[in-house]
Amino acid sequence: MRNCLREMRKARGLNQAELAERLEISRQTVIAIEADRYDPSLPMAYRMAAFFAVPVEALFFNPWKAD
């Protein structure tokens, strides 16, 4: 699943370890999500969106959605 986690993290001035600590996940998970190698669970996606105060749809993109 495509996402803009890296851009949102950098806009907040956080490194991957700091974001992982705040979200209570591993740094490796943050790295994998940012690289589009891991799709977070729905609860984790909502927790991430809440942290950035955006809707889930602003953080994650549906690859099957027609433009």
C-alpha atoms as a PDB file:
ATOM      1  CA  MET A   1       0.000   0.000   0.000  1.00  0.00           C
ATOM      2  CA  ARG A   2       1.453   3.355  -0.976  1.00  0.00           C
ATOM      3  CA  ASN A   3       1.810   5.969   1.733  1.00  0.00           C
ATOM      4  CA  CYS A   4       3.309   9.355   2.536  1.00  0.00           C
ATOM      5  CA  LEU A   5       4.567   8.421   6.004  1.00  0.00           C
ATOM      6  CA  ARG A   6       8.146   9.535   5.286  1.00  0.00           C
ATOM      7  CA  GLU A   7       7.021  13.001   4.179  1.00  0.00           C
ATOM      8  CA  MET A   8       4.733  13.453   7.182  1.00  0.00           C
ATOM      9  CA  ARG A   9       7.425  12.218   9.572  1.00  0.00           C
ATOM     10  CA  LYS A  10      10.023  14.603   8.140  1.00  0.00           C
ATOM     11  CA  ALA A  11       7.559  17.513   8.228  1.00  0.00           C
ATOM     12  CA  ARG A  12       7.275  16.917  11.987  1.00  0.00           C
ATOM     13  CA  GLY A  13      11.062  16.865  12.323  1.00  0.00           C
ATOM     14  CA  LEU A  14      11.129  13.257  13.564  1.00  0.00           C
ATOM     15  CA  ASN A  15      13.558  10.515  12.711  1.00  0.00           C
ATOM     16  CA  GLN A  16      12.378   6.931  12.266  1.00  0.00           C
ATOM     17  CA  ALA A  17      13.323   5.908  15.800  1.00  0.00           C
ATOM     18  CA  GLU A  18      11.440   8.831  17.356  1.00  0.00           C
ATOM     19  CA  LEU A  19       8.304   8.073  15.335  1.00  0.00           C
ATOM     20  CA  ALA A  20       8.519   4.390  16.218  1.00  0.00           C
ATOM     21  CA  GLU A  21       8.789   5.219  19.913  1.00  0.00           C
ATOM     22  CA  ARG A  22       5.776   7.544  19.808  1.00  0.00           C
ATOM     23  CA  LEU A  23       3.680   4.987  17.913  1.00  0.00           C
ATOM     24  CA  GLU A  24       4.920   2.123  20.123  1.00  0.00           C
ATOM     25  CA  ILE A  25       6.174   0.090  17.156  1.00  0.00           C
ATOM     26  CA  SER A  26       9.663  -0.932  16.083  1.00  0.00           C
ATOM     27  CA  ARG A  27      11.939   1.232  13.982  1.00  0.00           C
ATOM     28  CA  GLN A  28      12.130  -1.654  11.503  1.00  0.00           C
ATOM     29  CA  THR A  29       8.344  -1.462  11.085  1.00  0.00           C
ATOM     30  CA  VAL A  30       8.551   2.257  10.299  1.00  0.00           C
ATOM     31  CA  ILE A  31      11.303   1.564   7.760  1.00  0.00           C
ATOM     32  CA  ALA A  32       9.287  -1.208   6.096  1.00  0.00           C
ATOM     33  CA  ILE A  33       6.094   0.878   5.917  1.00  0.00           C
ATOM     34  CA  GLU A  34       7.940   3.850   4.443  1.00  0.00           C
ATOM     35  CA  ALA A  35       9.510   1.561   1.810  1.00  0.00           C
ATOM     36  CA  ASP A  36       6.081   0.079   0.915  1.00  0.00           C
ATOM     37  CA  ARG A  37       7.320  -3.373   1.978  1.00  0.00           C
ATOM     38  CA  TYR A  38       4.835  -3.757   4.824  1.00  0.00           C
ATOM     39  CA  ASP A  39       1.153  -2.887   5.083  1.00  0.00           C
ATOM     40  CA  PRO A  40       0.161  -1.937   8.633  1.00  0.00           C
ATOM     41  CA  SER A  41      -2.876  -3.424  10.307  1.00  0.00           C
ATOM     42  CA  LEU A  42      -6.008  -1.300  10.251  1.00  0.00           C
ATOM     43  CA  PRO A  43      -5.675  -0.360  13.953  1.00  0.00           C
ATOM     44  CA  MET A  44      -2.036   0.652  13.384  1.00  0.00           C
ATOM     45  CA  ALA A  45      -2.994   2.708  10.310  1.00  0.00           C
ATOM     46  CA  TYR A  46      -5.640   4.549  12.333  1.00  0.00           C
ATOM     47  CA  ARG A  47      -3.156   5.128  15.176  1.00  0.00           C
ATOM     48  CA  MET A  48      -0.657   6.606  12.696  1.00  0.00           C
ATOM     49  CA  ALA A  49      -3.305   8.822  11.117  1.00  0.00           C
ATOM     50  CA  ALA A  50      -4.422  10.013  14.549  1.00  0.00           C
ATOM     51  CA  PHE A  51      -0.826  10.836  15.489  1.00  0.00           C
ATOM     52  CA  PHE A  52      -0.514  13.056  12.401  1.00  0.00           C
ATOM     53  CA  ALA A  53      -4.087  14.376  12.840  1.00  0.00           C
ATOM     54  CA  VAL A  54      -5.113  13.387   9.315  1.00  0.00           C
ATOM     55  CA  PRO A  55      -7.650  10.933   7.915  1.00  0.00           C
ATOM     56  CA  VAL A  56      -6.282   7.495   7.043  1.00  0.00           C
ATOM     57  CA  GLU A  57      -6.903   8.296   3.378  1.00  0.00           C
ATOM     58  CA  ALA A  58      -4.453  11.209   3.599  1.00  0.00           C
ATOM     59  CA  LEU A  59      -1.685   8.910   4.833  1.00  0.00           C
ATOM     60  CA  PHE A  60      -2.346   5.750   2.811  1.00  0.00           C
ATOM     61  CA  PHE A  61      -3.369   5.521  -0.841  1.00  0.00           C
ATOM     62  CA  ASN A  62      -5.660   2.886  -2.321  1.00  0.00           C
ATOM     63  CA  PRO A  63      -3.739   1.359  -5.259  1.00  0.00           C
ATOM     64  CA  TRP A  64      -6.954   0.042  -6.815  1.00  0.00           C
ATOM     65  CA  LYS A  65      -8.877   3.308  -6.710  1.00  0.00           C
ATOM     66  CA  ALA A  66      -9.709   4.657 -10.150  1.00  0.00           C
ATOM     67  CA  ASP A  67      -8.424   8.183 -10.771  1.00  0.00           C
END
